[in-house]
């Protein structure tokens, strides 16, 4: 049982849906992003997705691409991202942290070294968007062996033939991408999402969390209402990019979390 498993068990017992938030590590600088990260649980966040900045973020829209650029220009590295997690864990031993990004920085560091450091730092899960199931031996299976959940993305184009392959080594939860295309590109619609979530839940016992295109408390409530929870990323990252103070960002996160928790 990981912190992710424990969190979903607790939420089920409470009859609540999960609110997951994404921020980019080091955006706009290390101190600011750490302050935001430390404030997320108090703002109602159940699981934190922490982005690893990368030079070629092909799946991300402009908002998150710019966040990654700001972080890299500010000197953010994988080591500093792990340091953020270590610092966060000094005060919070329960909130799950999922690192999200691309394989290259992990490969460059060395898979065994990275997994050892990630586990010791307090990382609970990984979402690596450019590693398909065919490459599970690279990172997915070693991560599971290290006690770190490997969370897979399913999309509107994941058909009945492909879905079992996507689910075969997934753990923690399934991240359903509500729209085709890049992050931050369109609004998610609960009526479109509901049958897809039901289809996925028919093939796995894992919780299904929906992300992409959720920007308001109302949309968070609607999407969480047809899934086990929702993820908000670009809407939060946009505020950070506009220069809002951490307290202002966290106030908006709290509004979004309340929407999801009303579901």
Protein backbone atom coordinates (compact mmCIF):
# COMPACT_ATOMS: atom_id res chain seq x y z
CA UNK A 1 0.00 0.00 0.00
CA UNK A 2 1.36 3.37 -1.02
CA UNK A 3 0.24 6.81 0.15
CA UNK A 4 -1.83 6.94 -3.05
CA UNK A 5 -3.65 3.72 -2.16
CA UNK A 6 -4.19 4.95 1.40
CA UNK A 7 -5.58 8.28 0.17
CA UNK A 8 -8.14 6.68 -2.13
CA UNK A 9 -9.17 4.23 0.59
CA UNK A 10 -9.74 7.15 2.97
CA UNK A 11 -11.67 9.16 0.37
CA UNK A 12 -13.89 6.17 -0.42
CA UNK A 13 -14.61 5.71 3.27
CA UNK A 14 -15.54 9.40 3.49
CA UNK A 15 -17.64 9.28 0.32
CA UNK A 16 -15.51 11.98 -1.32
CA UNK A 17 -13.81 12.46 -4.65
CA UNK A 18 -10.11 13.25 -5.06
CA UNK A 19 -8.79 16.65 -6.01
CA UNK A 20 -5.39 16.46 -7.66
CA UNK A 21 -3.34 19.55 -8.51
CA UNK A 22 -0.36 19.98 -10.78
CA UNK A 23 2.44 22.51 -10.43
CA UNK A 24 5.76 22.76 -12.23
CA UNK A 25 8.74 22.32 -9.92
CA UNK A 26 10.84 25.48 -9.83
CA UNK A 27 8.25 27.75 -11.46
CA UNK A 28 8.90 30.65 -11.39
CA UNK A 29 11.68 29.87 -8.92
CA UNK A 30 12.47 27.21 -6.37
CA UNK A 31 11.39 29.16 -3.29
CA UNK A 32 8.03 30.22 -4.74
CA UNK A 33 7.12 26.80 -6.07
CA UNK A 34 8.05 25.18 -2.75
CA UNK A 35 5.86 27.68 -0.89
CA UNK A 36 2.94 26.86 -3.18
CA UNK A 37 3.58 23.13 -2.87
CA UNK A 38 3.63 23.26 0.93
CA UNK A 39 0.31 25.12 0.91
CA UNK A 40 -1.54 22.74 -1.42
CA UNK A 41 -2.75 20.20 1.20
CA UNK A 42 -4.17 22.99 3.35
CA UNK A 43 -6.00 24.29 0.27
CA UNK A 44 -7.78 20.95 -0.13
CA UNK A 45 -5.44 19.07 -2.46
CA UNK A 46 -5.49 15.30 -1.95
CA UNK A 47 -2.65 14.38 -4.31
CA UNK A 48 0.11 16.61 -5.70
CA UNK A 49 1.45 16.18 -9.21
CA UNK A 50 4.88 17.77 -9.43
CA UNK A 51 6.10 18.51 -12.92
CA UNK A 52 9.71 17.85 -13.88
CA UNK A 53 10.80 20.64 -16.25
CA UNK A 54 12.13 19.37 -19.57
CA UNK A 55 13.43 21.07 -22.68
CA UNK A 56 11.09 19.31 -25.13
CA UNK A 57 7.65 18.90 -23.47
CA UNK A 58 5.80 17.59 -26.51
CA UNK A 59 2.51 16.73 -24.75
CA UNK A 60 2.14 20.07 -23.01
CA UNK A 61 0.32 23.17 -24.16
CA UNK A 62 1.75 26.70 -24.04
CA UNK A 63 0.92 27.33 -20.37
CA UNK A 64 2.88 24.37 -19.05
CA UNK A 65 5.60 24.70 -21.69
CA UNK A 66 6.23 28.25 -20.50
CA UNK A 67 6.26 27.07 -16.89
CA UNK A 68 8.94 24.55 -17.75
CA UNK A 69 10.97 27.22 -19.53
CA UNK A 70 10.72 29.56 -16.54
CA UNK A 71 11.83 26.77 -14.23
CA UNK A 72 14.78 25.77 -16.40
CA UNK A 73 15.84 29.39 -16.82
CA UNK A 74 15.70 29.70 -13.04
CA UNK A 75 18.14 26.82 -12.70
CA UNK A 76 15.72 24.03 -11.78
CA UNK A 77 17.18 20.53 -12.11
CA UNK A 78 15.99 17.03 -11.29
CA UNK A 79 18.16 17.16 -8.16
CA UNK A 80 16.47 20.37 -7.02
CA UNK A 81 13.07 18.83 -7.70
CA UNK A 82 13.95 15.90 -5.46
CA UNK A 83 15.16 18.43 -2.88
CA UNK A 84 11.71 20.08 -3.00
CA UNK A 85 10.12 16.76 -2.14
CA UNK A 86 12.57 16.16 0.70
CA UNK A 87 11.81 19.59 2.11
CA UNK A 88 8.04 19.05 1.77
CA UNK A 89 8.27 15.73 3.58
CA UNK A 90 9.77 17.39 6.66
CA UNK A 91 6.30 18.72 7.47
CA UNK A 92 3.96 16.38 5.57
CA UNK A 93 4.32 12.62 5.71
CA UNK A 94 0.91 11.74 4.26
CA UNK A 95 0.05 13.72 1.09
CA UNK A 96 0.93 11.65 -1.99
CA UNK A 97 3.34 13.17 -4.49
CA UNK A 98 3.41 12.05 -8.12
CA UNK A 99 6.26 13.22 -10.32
CA UNK A 100 5.07 13.90 -13.86
CA UNK A 101 7.16 14.47 -16.93
CA UNK A 102 9.38 12.85 -19.51
CA UNK A 103 11.81 9.97 -19.45
CA UNK A 104 14.99 11.70 -20.61
CA UNK A 105 15.96 13.34 -17.28
CA UNK A 106 15.41 10.03 -15.48
CA UNK A 107 17.35 8.07 -18.09
CA UNK A 108 20.20 10.57 -17.89
CA UNK A 109 20.35 10.22 -14.11
CA UNK A 110 20.15 6.43 -14.25
CA UNK A 111 16.97 4.52 -13.49
CA UNK A 112 18.24 2.68 -10.41
CA UNK A 113 19.76 5.81 -8.91
CA UNK A 114 16.65 7.85 -9.63
CA UNK A 115 14.28 5.30 -8.12
CA UNK A 116 16.39 4.97 -4.98
CA UNK A 117 16.51 8.74 -4.55
CA UNK A 118 12.83 9.21 -5.40
CA UNK A 119 11.72 6.59 -2.90
CA UNK A 120 13.94 8.00 -0.16
CA UNK A 121 12.75 11.54 -0.90
CA UNK A 122 9.13 10.50 -0.54
CA UNK A 123 7.83 10.15 -4.10
CA UNK A 124 4.78 7.90 -4.36
CA UNK A 125 4.08 7.71 -8.08
CA UNK A 126 5.33 8.49 -11.57
CA UNK A 127 3.55 9.66 -14.71
CA UNK A 128 5.99 9.51 -17.60
CA UNK A 129 4.10 10.56 -20.68
CA UNK A 130 6.54 9.38 -23.35
CA UNK A 131 7.02 5.79 -22.14
CA UNK A 132 4.40 3.51 -23.71
CA UNK A 133 3.50 0.10 -22.23
CA UNK A 134 5.82 -1.55 -24.73
CA UNK A 135 8.71 0.01 -22.77
CA UNK A 136 7.59 -1.19 -19.31
CA UNK A 137 10.93 -2.89 -18.64
CA UNK A 138 12.64 0.52 -18.82
CA UNK A 139 11.02 2.16 -15.82
CA UNK A 140 7.50 0.95 -15.03
CA UNK A 141 8.39 -2.49 -13.68
CA UNK A 142 11.48 -1.30 -11.77
CA UNK A 143 9.41 1.51 -10.25
CA UNK A 144 6.72 -0.91 -9.07
CA UNK A 145 9.42 -3.13 -7.57
CA UNK A 146 10.74 -0.09 -5.68
CA UNK A 147 7.27 0.57 -4.23
CA UNK A 148 6.47 3.52 -6.47
CA UNK A 149 3.18 3.52 -8.38
CA UNK A 150 3.42 3.84 -12.14
CA UNK A 151 0.37 5.71 -13.38
CA UNK A 152 -0.68 5.44 -17.00
CA UNK A 153 -2.63 7.81 -19.19
CA UNK A 154 -5.72 6.70 -21.10
CA UNK A 155 -7.24 8.97 -23.75
CA UNK A 156 -10.34 9.20 -25.93
CA UNK A 157 -8.37 7.30 -28.58
CA UNK A 158 -7.49 4.39 -26.26
CA UNK A 159 -9.77 1.81 -27.84
CA UNK A 160 -10.91 -1.58 -26.55
CA UNK A 161 -7.93 -3.31 -28.14
CA UNK A 162 -5.39 -0.92 -26.63
CA UNK A 163 -6.90 -0.48 -23.16
CA UNK A 164 -5.77 -3.82 -21.65
CA UNK A 165 -2.20 -3.04 -22.70
CA UNK A 166 -2.39 0.39 -21.06
CA UNK A 167 -3.76 -1.10 -17.83
CA UNK A 168 -1.55 -4.16 -17.54
CA UNK A 169 1.16 -2.73 -15.25
CA UNK A 170 -0.59 0.43 -14.07
CA UNK A 171 -1.03 1.06 -10.35
CA UNK A 172 -2.22 3.84 -8.05
CA UNK A 173 -4.82 5.23 -10.41
CA UNK A 174 -5.58 5.68 -14.10
CA UNK A 175 -5.29 9.21 -15.44
CA UNK A 176 -7.95 9.73 -18.10
CA UNK A 177 -7.12 12.57 -20.48
CA UNK A 178 -10.51 14.08 -21.21
CA UNK A 179 -9.66 15.66 -24.56
CA UNK A 180 -7.39 14.85 -27.45
CA UNK A 181 -4.44 17.14 -28.02
CA UNK A 182 -2.24 19.14 -25.68
CA UNK A 183 -2.81 20.34 -22.11
CA UNK A 184 -4.86 23.47 -21.59
CA UNK A 185 -6.40 23.34 -25.05
CA UNK A 186 -10.14 22.90 -24.48
CA UNK A 187 -12.82 22.44 -21.85
CA UNK A 188 -13.68 18.99 -20.54
CA UNK A 189 -17.35 17.98 -20.80
CA UNK A 190 -18.80 15.63 -18.19
CA UNK A 191 -21.28 14.16 -20.68
CA UNK A 192 -18.40 13.09 -22.92
CA UNK A 193 -16.21 11.91 -20.06
CA UNK A 194 -18.76 9.79 -18.16
CA UNK A 195 -19.08 6.88 -20.63
CA UNK A 196 -15.31 6.75 -21.12
CA UNK A 197 -14.69 6.59 -17.38
CA UNK A 198 -17.31 3.83 -17.09
CA UNK A 199 -15.59 1.93 -19.90
CA UNK A 200 -12.22 2.12 -18.15
CA UNK A 201 -13.71 1.21 -14.76
CA UNK A 202 -15.22 -1.84 -16.40
CA UNK A 203 -11.69 -3.05 -17.11
CA UNK A 204 -9.89 -2.19 -13.84
CA UNK A 205 -10.47 -1.82 -10.11
CA UNK A 206 -8.16 1.20 -10.01
CA UNK A 207 -9.58 4.68 -9.39
CA UNK A 208 -10.00 6.78 -12.55
CA UNK A 209 -9.02 10.44 -12.29
CA UNK A 210 -9.81 12.89 -15.10
CA UNK A 211 -7.55 15.72 -16.19
CA UNK A 212 -7.15 18.30 -18.98
CA UNK A 213 -9.65 21.07 -19.61
CA UNK A 214 -10.82 21.69 -16.01
CA UNK A 215 -10.58 25.37 -15.16
CA UNK A 216 -13.44 26.29 -12.80
CA UNK A 217 -14.95 24.97 -9.55
CA UNK A 218 -18.08 24.09 -11.54
CA UNK A 219 -16.17 22.03 -14.09
CA UNK A 220 -14.18 20.36 -11.29
CA UNK A 221 -17.46 19.39 -9.62
CA UNK A 222 -18.99 18.12 -12.87
CA UNK A 223 -15.98 16.04 -13.88
CA UNK A 224 -15.31 14.66 -10.39
CA UNK A 225 -18.98 13.71 -10.30
CA UNK A 226 -18.50 11.19 -13.10
CA UNK A 227 -15.07 9.90 -12.00
CA UNK A 228 -13.11 9.21 -8.82
CA UNK A 229 -11.70 12.71 -8.91
CA UNK A 230 -10.17 15.36 -11.13
CA UNK A 231 -6.85 17.01 -11.91
CA UNK A 232 -6.33 20.74 -12.40
CA UNK A 233 -3.03 21.87 -13.85
CA UNK A 234 -2.96 24.61 -16.46
CA UNK A 235 -5.45 26.82 -14.60
CA UNK A 236 -3.14 26.85 -11.55
CA UNK A 237 0.09 27.15 -13.52
CA UNK A 238 -1.38 30.10 -15.45
CA UNK A 239 -1.86 32.04 -12.21
CA UNK A 240 1.74 31.38 -11.22
CA UNK A 241 2.90 32.51 -14.66
CA UNK A 242 0.93 35.74 -14.31
CA UNK A 243 2.89 36.54 -11.18
CA UNK A 244 0.20 35.98 -8.57
CA UNK A 245 1.52 35.56 -5.03
CA UNK A 246 1.42 32.06 -3.52
CA UNK A 247 -1.44 33.07 -1.21
CA UNK A 248 -3.53 34.15 -4.22
CA UNK A 249 -2.72 30.93 -6.08
CA UNK A 250 -3.66 28.83 -3.06
CA UNK A 251 -6.93 30.71 -2.61
CA UNK A 252 -7.90 29.75 -6.16
CA UNK A 253 -6.77 26.17 -5.59
CA UNK A 254 -9.06 26.07 -2.55
CA UNK A 255 -12.04 27.18 -4.67
CA UNK A 256 -11.29 24.48 -7.25
CA UNK A 257 -10.85 21.85 -4.53
CA UNK A 258 -14.18 22.79 -2.97
CA UNK A 259 -15.81 22.28 -6.36
CA UNK A 260 -14.35 18.79 -6.71
CA UNK A 261 -15.24 17.88 -3.14
CA UNK A 262 -18.87 18.89 -3.72
CA UNK A 263 -19.18 16.14 -6.33
